[in-house]
Amino acid sequence: MGEAERHLATELKTFEKHKQDLLGRWEGKYVLITGDNILGAYDSKLDAVAAGHQQIGARPFLVKKVERIEKPVRILARRG
């Protein structure tokens, strides 16, 4: 597992550890997480990403929507 994957795994664990609290406080918003730290919640994904670049810079961070039931994202790749 590379460094980026370790960061992502840590941030996802942080999200899951605090999910119930996040649902109570910020359901429907986008949270900004780096490592074990939740830095804030934002109304849009773009606002959260901009805040991540401003506060964290070039280091890895996670932006994740706080929702009870996560909707899968489907990405189609072109063949050929």
Protein backbone atom coordinates (compact mmCIF):
# COMPACT_ATOMS: atom_id res chain seq x y z
CA MET A 1 0.00 0.00 0.00
CA GLY A 2 1.44 3.36 -1.04
CA GLU A 3 1.46 6.59 0.92
CA ALA A 4 -1.64 8.00 -0.81
CA GLU A 5 -3.60 4.84 -0.05
CA ARG A 6 -2.53 4.96 3.62
CA HIS A 7 -3.71 8.58 3.88
CA LEU A 8 -7.05 7.70 2.32
CA ALA A 9 -7.49 4.70 4.61
CA THR A 10 -6.79 6.87 7.67
CA GLU A 11 -9.23 9.56 6.54
CA LEU A 12 -11.97 7.05 5.75
CA LYS A 13 -11.50 5.51 9.22
CA THR A 14 -11.79 8.99 10.73
CA PHE A 15 -15.04 9.55 8.83
CA GLU A 16 -16.51 6.20 9.90
CA LYS A 17 -15.44 6.70 13.52
CA HIS A 18 -17.30 10.04 13.68
CA LYS A 19 -20.13 9.30 11.23
CA GLN A 20 -22.99 9.36 13.75
CA ASP A 21 -21.86 12.69 15.17
CA LEU A 22 -21.35 14.07 11.65
CA LEU A 23 -24.87 12.99 10.68
CA GLY A 24 -26.29 14.81 13.67
CA ARG A 25 -24.36 18.00 12.98
CA TRP A 26 -23.76 18.18 9.23
CA GLU A 27 -25.96 15.78 7.31
CA GLY A 28 -26.04 16.76 3.65
CA LYS A 29 -22.85 18.81 3.86
CA TYR A 30 -19.32 17.98 2.71
CA VAL A 31 -16.67 17.44 5.37
CA LEU A 32 -12.98 18.15 4.95
CA ILE A 33 -10.72 15.56 6.59
CA THR A 34 -6.97 15.23 6.76
CA GLY A 35 -5.50 12.32 8.68
CA ASP A 36 -7.36 12.06 12.00
CA ASN A 37 -8.70 15.64 11.85
CA ILE A 38 -12.07 16.89 10.67
CA LEU A 39 -11.44 20.48 9.65
CA GLY A 40 -14.97 21.61 8.85
CA ALA A 41 -18.15 21.18 6.85
CA TYR A 42 -19.18 23.01 3.69
CA ASP A 43 -22.34 23.40 1.64
CA SER A 44 -20.73 22.25 -1.60
CA LYS A 45 -17.98 19.89 -2.66
CA LEU A 46 -16.22 22.75 -4.46
CA ASP A 47 -16.18 24.87 -1.29
CA ALA A 48 -14.71 21.96 0.68
CA VAL A 49 -12.03 21.30 -1.96
CA ALA A 50 -11.12 25.01 -2.09
CA ALA A 51 -10.84 25.09 1.71
CA GLY A 52 -8.66 21.97 1.58
CA HIS A 53 -6.26 23.59 -0.89
CA GLN A 54 -6.17 26.77 1.20
CA GLN A 55 -5.71 25.07 4.60
CA ILE A 56 -3.73 21.97 3.66
CA GLY A 57 -2.02 22.83 0.41
CA ALA A 58 -0.54 20.01 -1.63
CA ARG A 59 -0.87 17.35 1.09
CA PRO A 60 -3.61 14.72 0.76
CA PHE A 61 -7.09 15.35 2.13
CA LEU A 62 -10.54 13.85 1.83
CA VAL A 63 -13.81 15.59 0.99
CA LYS A 64 -16.83 13.39 1.69
CA LYS A 65 -20.56 14.03 1.74
CA VAL A 66 -22.25 13.25 5.05
CA GLU A 67 -25.26 11.08 4.25
CA ARG A 68 -27.02 8.17 5.89
CA ILE A 69 -27.13 6.03 2.77
CA GLU A 70 -24.24 6.50 0.40
CA LYS A 71 -25.08 6.51 -3.27
CA PRO A 72 -22.62 4.52 -5.39
CA VAL A 73 -20.76 6.39 -8.09
CA ARG A 74 -20.55 4.64 -11.42
CA ILE A 75 -17.78 5.58 -13.79
CA LEU A 76 -17.90 4.19 -17.29
CA ALA A 77 -14.67 3.74 -19.20
CA ARG A 78 -14.43 3.86 -22.95
CA ARG A 79 -13.23 0.67 -24.54
CA GLY A 80 -10.96 0.56 -27.47
